[in-house]
Amino acid sequence: MNAQSIANQKAVSSALGLPQDTAEEDKSSSEDEWEEMVPVDIDESNAKDVQVTLKEKGEKDWWAIYLRQEVNKCVRENWENAHKVNILCYIGHLQYLRKVALEENLVPSLMLTTV
C-alpha cells in the first residue's frame, strides 16, 4: 500500500466516524473473502432470444368516455363551489371579528388591562 491510499482510507473512515483500526480490519477481512472467478464466454450470454408481445388496443366506447368526462366535470365544479363557499365563510367570520374588536372598544380595553 502506498501512503496516498492509506491517507484516503483514513479520511473515509474519519468521515464515517469509524475508528482507524476498524477500517484496517475490514480491509484485511475483505481481502480474505476474494474468490476466484471463472471466465465466461460472452457469445453464450448474448445468444438468448427475447420475445415481446403487445396487446392490441381495443376500440374504446366513446359514449362511456364522454359520460366519465361529464361526471368528472360535475364533481370538479361541485368541489370548486364548495371551496368558494368555504372562503366566503372565512371572510364573513373575519369581518365579524373585526367588527367586535374595533366597534365595541375591545382593543382599547385590553390595552388598558395590560398596563
PDB file of N, CA and C in Angstrom:
ATOM      1  N   MET A   1       0.842  -1.188   0.000  1.00  0.00           N
ATOM      2  CA  MET A   1       0.000   0.000   0.000  1.00  0.00           C
ATOM      3  C   MET A   1       0.874   1.233   0.000  1.00  0.00           C
ATOM      4  N   ASN A   2       0.415   2.204  -0.761  1.00  0.00           N
ATOM      5  CA  ASN A   2       1.186   3.440  -0.751  1.00  0.00           C
ATOM      6  C   ASN A   2       0.572   4.411   0.251  1.00  0.00           C
ATOM      7  N   ALA A   3       1.259   5.493   0.481  1.00  0.00           N
ATOM      8  CA  ALA A   3       0.844   6.446   1.510  1.00  0.00           C
ATOM      9  C   ALA A   3      -0.453   7.152   1.135  1.00  0.00           C
ATOM     10  N   GLN A   4      -0.652   7.361  -0.171  1.00  0.00           N
ATOM     11  CA  GLN A   4      -1.862   8.066  -0.604  1.00  0.00           C
ATOM     12  C   GLN A   4      -3.118   7.234  -0.331  1.00  0.00           C
ATOM     13  N   SER A   5      -3.068   5.920  -0.607  1.00  0.00           N
ATOM     14  CA  SER A   5      -4.242   5.082  -0.359  1.00  0.00           C
ATOM     15  C   SER A   5      -4.528   4.966   1.139  1.00  0.00           C
ATOM     16  N   ILE A   6      -3.494   4.929   1.960  1.00  0.00           N
ATOM     17  CA  ILE A   6      -3.689   4.891   3.413  1.00  0.00           C
ATOM     18  C   ILE A   6      -4.328   6.191   3.885  1.00  0.00           C
ATOM     19  N   ALA A   7      -3.881   7.304   3.326  1.00  0.00           N
ATOM     20  CA  ALA A   7      -4.461   8.596   3.695  1.00  0.00           C
ATOM     21  C   ALA A   7      -5.922   8.666   3.272  1.00  0.00           C
ATOM     22  N   ASN A   8      -6.237   8.126   2.095  1.00  0.00           N
ATOM     23  CA  ASN A   8      -7.629   8.113   1.631  1.00  0.00           C
ATOM     24  C   ASN A   8      -8.495   7.266   2.551  1.00  0.00           C
ATOM     25  N   GLN A   9      -7.975   6.106   2.974  1.00  0.00           N
ATOM     26  CA  GLN A   9      -8.736   5.239   3.870  1.00  0.00           C
ATOM     27  C   GLN A   9      -8.978   5.917   5.217  1.00  0.00           C
ATOM     28  N   LYS A  10      -7.970   6.616   5.718  1.00  0.00           N
ATOM     29  CA  LYS A  10      -8.129   7.319   6.984  1.00  0.00           C
ATOM     30  C   LYS A  10      -9.160   8.435   6.860  1.00  0.00           C
ATOM     31  N   ALA A  11      -9.142   9.141   5.734  1.00  0.00           N
ATOM     32  CA  ALA A  11     -10.109  10.225   5.526  1.00  0.00           C
ATOM     33  C   ALA A  11     -11.528   9.676   5.451  1.00  0.00           C
ATOM     34  N   VAL A  12     -11.704   8.566   4.744  1.00  0.00           N
ATOM     35  CA  VAL A  12     -13.033   7.970   4.619  1.00  0.00           C
ATOM     36  C   VAL A  12     -13.512   7.448   5.964  1.00  0.00           C
ATOM     37  N   SER A  13     -12.635   6.775   6.697  1.00  0.00           N
ATOM     38  CA  SER A  13     -13.049   6.222   7.983  1.00  0.00           C
ATOM     39  C   SER A  13     -13.337   7.328   8.995  1.00  0.00           C
ATOM     40  N   SER A  14     -12.582   8.432   8.939  1.00  0.00           N
ATOM     41  CA  SER A  14     -12.879   9.532   9.858  1.00  0.00           C
ATOM     42  C   SER A  14     -14.168  10.235   9.461  1.00  0.00           C
ATOM     43  N   ALA A  15     -14.461  10.318   8.148  1.00  0.00           N
ATOM     44  CA  ALA A  15     -15.713  10.935   7.695  1.00  0.00           C
ATOM     45  C   ALA A  15     -16.910  10.088   8.104  1.00  0.00           C
ATOM     46  N   LEU A  16     -16.748   8.782   8.112  1.00  0.00           N
ATOM     47  CA  LEU A  16     -17.829   7.884   8.504  1.00  0.00           C
ATOM     48  C   LEU A  16     -17.915   7.713  10.014  1.00  0.00           C
ATOM     49  N   GLY A  17     -16.926   8.213  10.728  1.00  0.00           N
ATOM     50  CA  GLY A  17     -16.935   8.097  12.175  1.00  0.00           C
ATOM     51  C   GLY A  17     -16.438   6.755  12.670  1.00  0.00           C
ATOM     52  N   LEU A  18     -15.702   6.029  11.837  1.00  0.00           N
ATOM     53  CA  LEU A  18     -15.174   4.731  12.244  1.00  0.00           C
ATOM     54  C   LEU A  18     -13.801   4.910  12.875  1.00  0.00           C
ATOM     55  N   PRO A  19     -13.469   4.105  13.855  1.00  0.00           N
ATOM     56  CA  PRO A  19     -12.105   4.132  14.373  1.00  0.00           C
ATOM     57  C   PRO A  19     -11.137   3.649  13.300  1.00  0.00           C
ATOM     58  N   GLN A  20      -9.891   4.078  13.399  1.00  0.00           N
ATOM     59  CA  GLN A  20      -8.905   3.754  12.373  1.00  0.00           C
ATOM     60  C   GLN A  20      -8.646   2.255  12.276  1.00  0.00           C
ATOM     61  N   ASP A  21      -8.579   1.546  13.400  1.00  0.00           N
ATOM     62  CA  ASP A  21      -8.272   0.119  13.357  1.00  0.00           C
ATOM     63  C   ASP A  21      -9.426  -0.689  12.764  1.00  0.00           C
ATOM     64  N   THR A  22     -10.647  -0.220  12.892  1.00  0.00           N
ATOM     65  CA  THR A  22     -11.793  -0.929  12.321  1.00  0.00           C
ATOM     66  C   THR A  22     -11.715  -0.917  10.805  1.00  0.00           C
ATOM     67  N   ALA A  23     -11.316   0.193  10.227  1.00  0.00           N
ATOM     68  CA  ALA A  23     -11.201   0.287   8.773  1.00  0.00           C
ATOM     69  C   ALA A  23     -10.137  -0.676   8.267  1.00  0.00           C
ATOM     70  N   GLU A  24      -9.027  -0.796   9.014  1.00  0.00           N
ATOM     71  CA  GLU A  24      -7.969  -1.713   8.587  1.00  0.00           C
ATOM     72  C   GLU A  24      -8.421  -3.167   8.726  1.00  0.00           C
ATOM     73  N   GLU A  25      -9.200  -3.488   9.777  1.00  0.00           N
ATOM     74  CA  GLU A  25      -9.712  -4.849   9.944  1.00  0.00           C
ATOM     75  C   GLU A  25     -10.670  -5.204   8.824  1.00  0.00           C
ATOM     76  N   ASP A  26     -11.526  -4.258   8.434  1.00  0.00           N
ATOM     77  CA  ASP A  26     -12.473  -4.506   7.345  1.00  0.00           C
ATOM     78  C   ASP A  26     -11.732  -4.774   6.045  1.00  0.00           C
ATOM     79  N   LYS A  27     -10.655  -4.038   5.805  1.00  0.00           N
ATOM     80  CA  LYS A  27      -9.896  -4.217   4.578  1.00  0.00           C
ATOM     81  C   LYS A  27      -9.228  -5.587   4.555  1.00  0.00           C
ATOM     82  N   SER A  28      -8.640  -5.985   5.691  1.00  0.00           N
ATOM     83  CA  SER A  28      -7.959  -7.278   5.716  1.00  0.00           C
ATOM     84  C   SER A  28      -8.959  -8.425   5.603  1.00  0.00           C
ATOM     85  N   SER A  29     -10.140  -8.281   6.201  1.00  0.00           N
ATOM     86  CA  SER A  29     -11.128  -9.350   6.097  1.00  0.00           C
ATOM     87  C   SER A  29     -11.713  -9.415   4.697  1.00  0.00           C
ATOM     88  N   SER A  30     -11.833  -8.267   4.020  1.00  0.00           N
ATOM     89  CA  SER A  30     -12.375  -8.293   2.663  1.00  0.00           C
ATOM     90  C   SER A  30     -11.375  -8.915   1.692  1.00  0.00           C
ATOM     91  N   GLU A  31     -10.081  -8.769   1.978  1.00  0.00           N
ATOM     92  CA  GLU A  31      -9.080  -9.404   1.116  1.00  0.00           C
ATOM     93  C   GLU A  31      -9.146 -10.923   1.252  1.00  0.00           C
ATOM     94  N   ASP A  32      -9.498 -11.431   2.440  1.00  0.00           N
ATOM     95  CA  ASP A  32      -9.584 -12.869   2.654  1.00  0.00           C
ATOM     96  C   ASP A  32     -10.798 -13.475   1.952  1.00  0.00           C
ATOM     97  N   GLU A  33     -11.821 -12.671   1.693  1.00  0.00           N
ATOM     98  CA  GLU A  33     -13.061 -13.180   1.134  1.00  0.00           C
ATOM     99  C   GLU A  33     -13.071 -13.257  -0.387  1.00  0.00           C
ATOM    100  N   TRP A  34     -12.020 -12.858  -1.050  1.00  0.00           N
ATOM    101  CA  TRP A  34     -11.990 -12.895  -2.516  1.00  0.00           C
ATOM    102  C   TRP A  34     -12.047 -14.335  -3.007  1.00  0.00           C
ATOM    103  N   GLU A  35     -12.834 -14.561  -4.040  1.00  0.00           N
ATOM    104  CA  GLU A  35     -12.920 -15.876  -4.656  1.00  0.00           C
ATOM    105  C   GLU A  35     -12.420 -15.772  -6.087  1.00  0.00           C
ATOM    106  N   GLU A  36     -11.941 -16.894  -6.575  1.00  0.00           N
ATOM    107  CA  GLU A  36     -11.508 -16.890  -7.962  1.00  0.00           C
ATOM    108  C   GLU A  36     -12.724 -16.972  -8.859  1.00  0.00           C
ATOM    109  N   MET A  37     -12.672 -16.252  -9.966  1.00  0.00           N
ATOM    110  CA  MET A  37     -13.807 -16.208 -10.877  1.00  0.00           C
ATOM    111  C   MET A  37     -13.523 -17.058 -12.101  1.00  0.00           C
ATOM    112  N   VAL A  38     -14.569 -17.669 -12.617  1.00  0.00           N
ATOM    113  CA  VAL A  38     -14.457 -18.493 -13.812  1.00  0.00           C
ATOM    114  C   VAL A  38     -14.769 -17.608 -15.014  1.00  0.00           C
ATOM    115  N   PRO A  39     -13.912 -17.600 -16.021  1.00  0.00           N
ATOM    116  CA  PRO A  39     -14.196 -16.771 -17.198  1.00  0.00           C
ATOM    117  C   PRO A  39     -15.439 -17.281 -17.930  1.00  0.00           C
ATOM    118  N   VAL A  40     -16.241 -16.361 -18.430  1.00  0.00           N
ATOM    119  CA  VAL A  40     -17.482 -16.689 -19.113  1.00  0.00           C
ATOM    120  C   VAL A  40     -17.360 -16.272 -20.569  1.00  0.00           C
ATOM    121  N   ASP A  41     -17.905 -17.116 -21.448  1.00  0.00           N
ATOM    122  CA  ASP A  41     -17.897 -16.794 -22.869  1.00  0.00           C
ATOM    123  C   ASP A  41     -18.986 -15.758 -23.134  1.00  0.00           C
ATOM    124  N   ILE A  42     -18.614 -14.645 -23.699  1.00  0.00           N
ATOM    125  CA  ILE A  42     -19.553 -13.552 -23.928  1.00  0.00           C
ATOM    126  C   ILE A  42     -20.585 -13.932 -24.979  1.00  0.00           C
ATOM    127  N   ASP A  43     -20.208 -14.729 -25.973  1.00  0.00           N
ATOM    128  CA  ASP A  43     -21.136 -15.102 -27.036  1.00  0.00           C
ATOM    129  C   ASP A  43     -22.308 -15.925 -26.494  1.00  0.00           C
ATOM    130  N   GLU A  44     -22.082 -16.748 -25.487  1.00  0.00           N
ATOM    131  CA  GLU A  44     -23.157 -17.560 -24.918  1.00  0.00           C
ATOM    132  C   GLU A  44     -24.200 -16.698 -24.211  1.00  0.00           C
ATOM    133  N   SER A  45     -23.756 -15.679 -23.503  1.00  0.00           N
ATOM    134  CA  SER A  45     -24.705 -14.856 -22.758  1.00  0.00           C
ATOM    135  C   SER A  45     -25.519 -13.954 -23.677  1.00  0.00           C
ATOM    136  N   ASN A  46     -24.981 -13.588 -24.834  1.00  0.00           N
ATOM    137  CA  ASN A  46     -25.698 -12.708 -25.752  1.00  0.00           C
ATOM    138  C   ASN A  46     -26.553 -13.474 -26.747  1.00  0.00           C
ATOM    139  N   ALA A  47     -26.493 -14.793 -26.754  1.00  0.00           N
ATOM    140  CA  ALA A  47     -27.189 -15.585 -27.758  1.00  0.00           C
ATOM    141  C   ALA A  47     -28.667 -15.797 -27.427  1.00  0.00           C
ATOM    142  N   LYS A  48     -29.138 -15.354 -26.291  1.00  0.00           N
ATOM    143  CA  LYS A  48     -30.520 -15.580 -25.898  1.00  0.00           C
ATOM    144  C   LYS A  48     -31.455 -14.685 -26.712  1.00  0.00           C
ATOM    145  N   ASP A  49     -32.603 -15.266 -27.136  1.00  0.00           N
ATOM    146  CA  ASP A  49     -33.603 -14.508 -27.874  1.00  0.00           C
ATOM    147  C   ASP A  49     -34.644 -13.973 -26.898  1.00  0.00           C
ATOM    148  N   VAL A  50     -35.180 -12.834 -27.237  1.00  0.00           N
ATOM    149  CA  VAL A  50     -36.206 -12.214 -26.416  1.00  0.00           C
ATOM    150  C   VAL A  50     -37.450 -12.043 -27.270  1.00  0.00           C
ATOM    151  N   GLN A  51     -38.586 -12.443 -26.726  1.00  0.00           N
ATOM    152  CA  GLN A  51     -39.832 -12.316 -27.453  1.00  0.00           C
ATOM    153  C   GLN A  51     -40.737 -11.344 -26.695  1.00  0.00           C
ATOM    154  N   VAL A  52     -41.268 -10.364 -27.423  1.00  0.00           N
ATOM    155  CA  VAL A  52     -42.119  -9.348 -26.825  1.00  0.00           C
ATOM    156  C   VAL A  52     -43.486  -9.422 -27.476  1.00  0.00           C
ATOM    157  N   THR A  53     -44.524  -9.484 -26.660  1.00  0.00           N
ATOM    158  CA  THR A  53     -45.884  -9.492 -27.196  1.00  0.00           C
ATOM    159  C   THR A  53     -46.590  -8.229 -26.737  1.00  0.00           C
ATOM    160  N   LEU A  54     -47.280  -7.591 -27.650  1.00  0.00           N
ATOM    161  CA  LEU A  54     -48.006  -6.369 -27.349  1.00  0.00           C
ATOM    162  C   LEU A  54     -49.495  -6.626 -27.481  1.00  0.00           C
ATOM    163  N   LYS A  55     -50.243  -6.108 -26.539  1.00  0.00           N
ATOM    164  CA  LYS A  55     -51.689  -6.248 -26.613  1.00  0.00           C
ATOM    165  C   LYS A  55     -52.240  -5.178 -27.548  1.00  0.00           C
ATOM    166  N   GLU A  56     -53.193  -5.575 -28.364  1.00  0.00           N
ATOM    167  CA  GLU A  56     -53.818  -4.612 -29.250  1.00  0.00           C
ATOM    168  C   GLU A  56     -54.793  -3.761 -28.449  1.00  0.00           C
ATOM    169  N   LYS A  57     -54.768  -2.487 -28.746  1.00  0.00           N
ATOM    170  CA  LYS A  57     -55.696  -1.600 -28.073  1.00  0.00           C
ATOM    171  C   LYS A  57     -57.053  -1.743 -28.737  1.00  0.00           C
ATOM    172  N   GLY A  58     -58.011  -2.120 -27.944  1.00  0.00           N
ATOM    173  CA  GLY A  58     -59.364  -2.268 -28.463  1.00  0.00           C
ATOM    174  C   GLY A  58     -60.012  -0.901 -28.639  1.00  0.00           C
ATOM    175  N   GLU A  59     -61.040  -0.854 -29.427  1.00  0.00           N
ATOM    176  CA  GLU A  59     -61.751   0.403 -29.606  1.00  0.00           C
ATOM    177  C   GLU A  59     -62.446   0.770 -28.305  1.00  0.00           C
ATOM    178  N   LYS A  60     -62.268   1.997 -27.910  1.00  0.00           N
ATOM    179  CA  LYS A  60     -62.885   2.446 -26.673  1.00  0.00           C
ATOM    180  C   LYS A  60     -64.295   2.924 -26.976  1.00  0.00           C
ATOM    181  N   ASP A  61     -65.144   2.693 -26.026  1.00  0.00           N
ATOM    182  CA  ASP A  61     -66.528   3.123 -26.169  1.00  0.00           C
ATOM    183  C   ASP A  61     -66.579   4.634 -25.942  1.00  0.00           C
ATOM    184  N   TRP A  62     -66.837   5.387 -26.985  1.00  0.00           N
ATOM    185  CA  TRP A  62     -66.799   6.841 -26.888  1.00  0.00           C
ATOM    186  C   TRP A  62     -67.889   7.365 -25.968  1.00  0.00           C
ATOM    187  N   TRP A  63     -69.010   6.662 -25.874  1.00  0.00           N
ATOM    188  CA  TRP A  63     -70.088   7.103 -25.000  1.00  0.00           C
ATOM    189  C   TRP A  63     -69.674   6.988 -23.526  1.00  0.00           C
ATOM    190  N   ALA A  64     -68.992   5.921 -23.172  1.00  0.00           N
ATOM    191  CA  ALA A  64     -68.534   5.745 -21.791  1.00  0.00           C
ATOM    192  C   ALA A  64     -67.495   6.811 -21.442  1.00  0.00           C
ATOM    193  N   ILE A  65     -66.622   7.105 -22.389  1.00  0.00           N
ATOM    194  CA  ILE A  65     -65.610   8.139 -22.150  1.00  0.00           C
ATOM    195  C   ILE A  65     -66.285   9.494 -21.947  1.00  0.00           C
ATOM    196  N   TYR A  66     -67.260   9.796 -22.792  1.00  0.00           N
ATOM    197  CA  TYR A  66     -67.975  11.071 -22.691  1.00  0.00           C
ATOM    198  C   TYR A  66     -68.688  11.190 -21.347  1.00  0.00           C
ATOM    199  N   LEU A  67     -69.371  10.129 -20.930  1.00  0.00           N
ATOM    200  CA  LEU A  67     -70.078  10.159 -19.648  1.00  0.00           C
ATOM    201  C   LEU A  67     -69.117  10.344 -18.475  1.00  0.00           C
ATOM    202  N   ARG A  68     -67.979   9.642 -18.529  1.00  0.00           N
ATOM    203  CA  ARG A  68     -66.995   9.768 -17.453  1.00  0.00           C
ATOM    204  C   ARG A  68     -66.467  11.202 -17.380  1.00  0.00           C
ATOM    205  N   GLN A  69     -66.209  11.821 -18.541  1.00  0.00           N
ATOM    206  CA  GLN A  69     -65.729  13.200 -18.556  1.00  0.00           C
ATOM    207  C   GLN A  69     -66.765  14.157 -17.982  1.00  0.00           C
ATOM    208  N   GLU A  70     -68.035  13.945 -18.327  1.00  0.00           N
ATOM    209  CA  GLU A  70     -69.092  14.814 -17.813  1.00  0.00           C
ATOM    210  C   GLU A  70     -69.255  14.661 -16.301  1.00  0.00           C
ATOM    211  N   VAL A  71     -69.183  13.433 -15.821  1.00  0.00           N
ATOM    212  CA  VAL A  71     -69.289  13.207 -14.373  1.00  0.00           C
ATOM    213  C   VAL A  71     -68.116  13.866 -13.657  1.00  0.00           C
ATOM    214  N   ASN A  72     -66.910  13.705 -14.192  1.00  0.00           N
ATOM    215  CA  ASN A  72     -65.731  14.331 -13.579  1.00  0.00           C
ATOM    216  C   ASN A  72     -65.852  15.852 -13.595  1.00  0.00           C
ATOM    217  N   LYS A  73     -66.437  16.391 -14.674  1.00  0.00           N
ATOM    218  CA  LYS A  73     -66.627  17.834 -14.775  1.00  0.00           C
ATOM    219  C   LYS A  73     -67.569  18.321 -13.675  1.00  0.00           C
ATOM    220  N   CYS A  74     -68.671  17.602 -13.455  1.00  0.00           N
ATOM    221  CA  CYS A  74     -69.624  17.981 -12.403  1.00  0.00           C
ATOM    222  C   CYS A  74     -68.993  17.877 -11.016  1.00  0.00           C
ATOM    223  N   VAL A  75     -68.231  16.829 -10.783  1.00  0.00           N
ATOM    224  CA  VAL A  75     -67.568  16.657  -9.486  1.00  0.00           C
ATOM    225  C   VAL A  75     -66.588  17.798  -9.249  1.00  0.00           C
ATOM    226  N   ARG A  76     -65.817  18.153 -10.270  1.00  0.00           N
ATOM    227  CA  ARG A  76     -64.838  19.233 -10.142  1.00  0.00           C
ATOM    228  C   ARG A  76     -65.541  20.568  -9.877  1.00  0.00           C
ATOM    229  N   GLU A  77     -66.648  20.845 -10.586  1.00  0.00           N
ATOM    230  CA  GLU A  77     -67.385  22.090 -10.363  1.00  0.00           C
ATOM    231  C   GLU A  77     -67.955  22.143  -8.950  1.00  0.00           C
ATOM    232  N   ASN A  78     -68.477  21.030  -8.455  1.00  0.00           N
ATOM    233  CA  ASN A  78     -69.007  20.997  -7.085  1.00  0.00           C
ATOM    234  C   ASN A  78     -67.906  21.238  -6.058  1.00  0.00           C
ATOM    235  N   TRP A  79     -66.733  20.664  -6.294  1.00  0.00           N
ATOM    236  CA  TRP A  79     -65.613  20.866  -5.373  1.00  0.00           C
ATOM    237  C   TRP A  79     -65.198  22.332  -5.367  1.00  0.00           C
ATOM    238  N   GLU A  80     -65.129  22.949  -6.562  1.00  0.00           N
ATOM    239  CA  GLU A  80     -64.739  24.359  -6.643  1.00  0.00           C
ATOM    240  C   GLU A  80     -65.767  25.249  -5.954  1.00  0.00           C
ATOM    241  N   ASN A  81     -67.054  24.963  -6.138  1.00  0.00           N
ATOM    242  CA  ASN A  81     -68.092  25.761  -5.485  1.00  0.00           C
ATOM    243  C   ASN A  81     -68.020  25.624  -3.965  1.00  0.00           C
ATOM    244  N   ALA A  82     -67.785  24.417  -3.470  1.00  0.00           N
ATOM    245  CA  ALA A  82     -67.650  24.218  -2.022  1.00  0.00           C
ATOM    246  C   ALA A  82     -66.444  24.989  -1.491  1.00  0.00           C
ATOM    247  N   HIS A  83     -65.365  25.023  -2.249  1.00  0.00           N
ATOM    248  CA  HIS A  83     -64.163  25.749  -1.846  1.00  0.00           C
ATOM    249  C   HIS A  83     -64.454  27.256  -1.783  1.00  0.00           C
ATOM    250  N   LYS A  84     -65.187  27.762  -2.773  1.00  0.00           N
ATOM    251  CA  LYS A  84     -65.539  29.185  -2.788  1.00  0.00           C
ATOM    252  C   LYS A  84     -66.414  29.541  -1.585  1.00  0.00           C
ATOM    253  N   VAL A  85     -67.378  28.691  -1.257  1.00  0.00           N
ATOM    254  CA  VAL A  85     -68.246  28.934  -0.107  1.00  0.00           C
ATOM    255  C   VAL A  85     -67.424  28.935   1.176  1.00  0.00           C
ATOM    256  N   ASN A  86     -66.470  28.041   1.288  1.00  0.00           N
ATOM    257  CA  ASN A  86     -65.617  27.975   2.471  1.00  0.00           C
ATOM    258  C   ASN A  86     -64.840  29.281   2.637  1.00  0.00           C
ATOM    259  N   ILE A  87     -64.287  29.789   1.545  1.00  0.00           N
ATOM    260  CA  ILE A  87     -63.530  31.045   1.609  1.00  0.00           C
ATOM    261  C   ILE A  87     -64.449  32.201   1.997  1.00  0.00           C
ATOM    262  N   LEU A  88     -65.655  32.247   1.424  1.00  0.00           N
ATOM    263  CA  LEU A  88     -66.597  33.313   1.775  1.00  0.00           C
ATOM    264  C   LEU A  88     -66.985  33.250   3.250  1.00  0.00           C
ATOM    265  N   CYS A  89     -67.146  32.059   3.787  1.00  0.00           N
ATOM    266  CA  CYS A  89     -67.466  31.915   5.215  1.00  0.00           C
ATOM    267  C   CYS A  89     -66.327  32.436   6.087  1.00  0.00           C
ATOM    268  N   TYR A  90     -65.081  32.146   5.705  1.00  0.00           N
ATOM    269  CA  TYR A  90     -63.939  32.666   6.461  1.00  0.00           C
ATOM    270  C   TYR A  90     -63.889  34.189   6.399  1.00  0.00           C
ATOM    271  N   ILE A  91     -64.169  34.760   5.232  1.00  0.00           N
ATOM    272  CA  ILE A  91     -64.161  36.219   5.107  1.00  0.00           C
ATOM    273  C   ILE A  91     -65.239  36.825   6.000  1.00  0.00           C
ATOM    274  N   GLY A  92     -66.436  36.241   5.993  1.00  0.00           N
ATOM    275  CA  GLY A  92     -67.512  36.734   6.852  1.00  0.00           C
ATOM    276  C   GLY A  92     -67.158  36.632   8.324  1.00  0.00           C
ATOM    277  N   HIS A  93     -66.526  35.550   8.719  1.00  0.00           N
ATOM    278  CA  HIS A  93     -66.132  35.376  10.114  1.00  0.00           C
ATOM    279  C   HIS A  93     -65.091  36.423  10.517  1.00  0.00           C
ATOM    280  N   LEU A  94     -64.137  36.687   9.638  1.00  0.00           N
ATOM    281  CA  LEU A  94     -63.119  37.697   9.945  1.00  0.00           C
ATOM    282  C   LEU A  94     -63.737  39.092  10.025  1.00  0.00           C
ATOM    283  N   GLN A  95     -64.714  39.384   9.174  1.00  0.00           N
ATOM    284  CA  GLN A  95     -65.392  40.679   9.258  1.00  0.00           C
ATOM    285  C   GLN A  95     -66.135  40.811  10.585  1.00  0.00           C
ATOM    286  N   TYR A  96     -66.739  39.741  11.040  1.00  0.00           N
ATOM    287  CA  TYR A  96     -67.434  39.754  12.330  1.00  0.00           C
ATOM    288  C   TYR A  96     -66.443  40.006  13.470  1.00  0.00           C
ATOM    289  N   LEU A  97     -65.308  39.318  13.430  1.00  0.00           N
ATOM    290  CA  LEU A  97     -64.308  39.515  14.483  1.00  0.00           C
ATOM    291  C   LEU A  97     -63.769  40.936  14.468  1.00  0.00           C
ATOM    292  N   ARG A  98     -63.562  41.501  13.278  1.00  0.00           N
ATOM    293  CA  ARG A  98     -63.086  42.882  13.172  1.00  0.00           C
ATOM    294  C   ARG A  98     -64.120  43.834  13.775  1.00  0.00           C
ATOM    295  N   LYS A  99     -65.387  43.597  13.475  1.00  0.00           N
ATOM    296  CA  LYS A  99     -66.458  44.452  13.994  1.00  0.00           C
ATOM    297  C   LYS A  99     -66.500  44.397  15.518  1.00  0.00           C
ATOM    298  N   VAL A 100     -66.420  43.212  16.073  1.00  0.00           N
ATOM    299  CA  VAL A 100     -66.463  43.056  17.529  1.00  0.00           C
ATOM    300  C   VAL A 100     -65.255  43.725  18.167  1.00  0.00           C
ATOM    301  N   ALA A 101     -64.085  43.550  17.576  1.00  0.00           N
ATOM    302  CA  ALA A 101     -62.864  44.073  18.183  1.00  0.00           C
ATOM    303  C   ALA A 101     -62.788  45.589  18.099  1.00  0.00           C
ATOM    304  N   LEU A 102     -63.184  46.186  16.976  1.00  0.00           N
ATOM    305  CA  LEU A 102     -62.996  47.619  16.802  1.00  0.00           C
ATOM    306  C   LEU A 102     -64.199  48.446  17.247  1.00  0.00           C
ATOM    307  N   GLU A 103     -65.406  48.011  16.958  1.00  0.00           N
ATOM    308  CA  GLU A 103     -66.570  48.836  17.244  1.00  0.00           C
ATOM    309  C   GLU A 103     -67.021  48.736  18.691  1.00  0.00           C
ATOM    310  N   GLU A 104     -66.679  47.725  19.381  1.00  0.00           N
ATOM    311  CA  GLU A 104     -67.108  47.589  20.771  1.00  0.00           C
ATOM    312  C   GLU A 104     -65.992  47.940  21.749  1.00  0.00           C
ATOM    313  N   ASN A 105     -64.973  48.644  21.266  1.00  0.00           N
ATOM    314  CA  ASN A 105     -63.868  49.128  22.097  1.00  0.00           C
ATOM    315  C   ASN A 105     -63.171  48.001  22.851  1.00  0.00           C
ATOM    316  N   LEU A 106     -63.046  46.877  22.213  1.00  0.00           N
ATOM    317  CA  LEU A 106     -62.388  45.738  22.845  1.00  0.00           C
ATOM    318  C   LEU A 106     -60.880  45.950  22.908  1.00  0.00           C
ATOM    319  N   VAL A 107     -60.301  46.486  21.838  1.00  0.00           N
ATOM    320  CA  VAL A 107     -58.850  46.659  21.789  1.00  0.00           C
ATOM    321  C   VAL A 107     -58.385  47.671  22.835  1.00  0.00           C
ATOM    322  N   PRO A 108     -59.000  48.858  22.942  1.00  0.00           N
ATOM    323  CA  PRO A 108     -58.524  49.789  23.986  1.00  0.00           C
ATOM    324  C   PRO A 108     -58.681  49.241  25.399  1.00  0.00           C
ATOM    325  N   SER A 109     -59.760  48.507  25.639  1.00  0.00           N
ATOM    326  CA  SER A 109     -59.937  47.963  26.990  1.00  0.00           C
ATOM    327  C   SER A 109     -58.895  46.888  27.291  1.00  0.00           C
ATOM    328  N   LEU A 110     -58.542  46.098  26.298  1.00  0.00           N
ATOM    329  CA  LEU A 110     -57.492  45.101  26.504  1.00  0.00           C
ATOM    330  C   LEU A 110     -56.143  45.766  26.718  1.00  0.00           C
ATOM    331  N   MET A 111     -55.914  46.885  26.020  1.00  0.00           N
ATOM    332  CA  MET A 111     -54.644  47.595  26.196  1.00  0.00           C
ATOM    333  C   MET A 111     -54.548  48.189  27.597  1.00  0.00           C
ATOM    334  N   LEU A 112     -55.655  48.648  28.138  1.00  0.00           N
ATOM    335  CA  LEU A 112     -55.633  49.229  29.479  1.00  0.00           C
ATOM    336  C   LEU A 112     -55.451  48.166  30.556  1.00  0.00           C
ATOM    337  N   THR A 113     -55.926  46.955  30.299  1.00  0.00           N
ATOM    338  CA  THR A 113     -55.789  45.914  31.316  1.00  0.00           C
ATOM    339  C   THR A 113     -54.360  45.396  31.412  1.00  0.00           C
ATOM    340  N   THR A 114     -53.568  45.560  30.374  1.00  0.00           N
ATOM    341  CA  THR A 114     -52.187  45.071  30.425  1.00  0.00           C
ATOM    342  C   THR A 114     -51.261  46.064  31.101  1.00  0.00           C
ATOM    343  N   VAL A 115     -51.713  47.301  31.323  1.00  0.00           N
ATOM    344  CA  VAL A 115     -50.860  48.327  31.928  1.00  0.00           C
ATOM    345  C   VAL A 115     -50.756  48.148  33.395  1.00  0.00           C
TER     346      VAL A 115
END
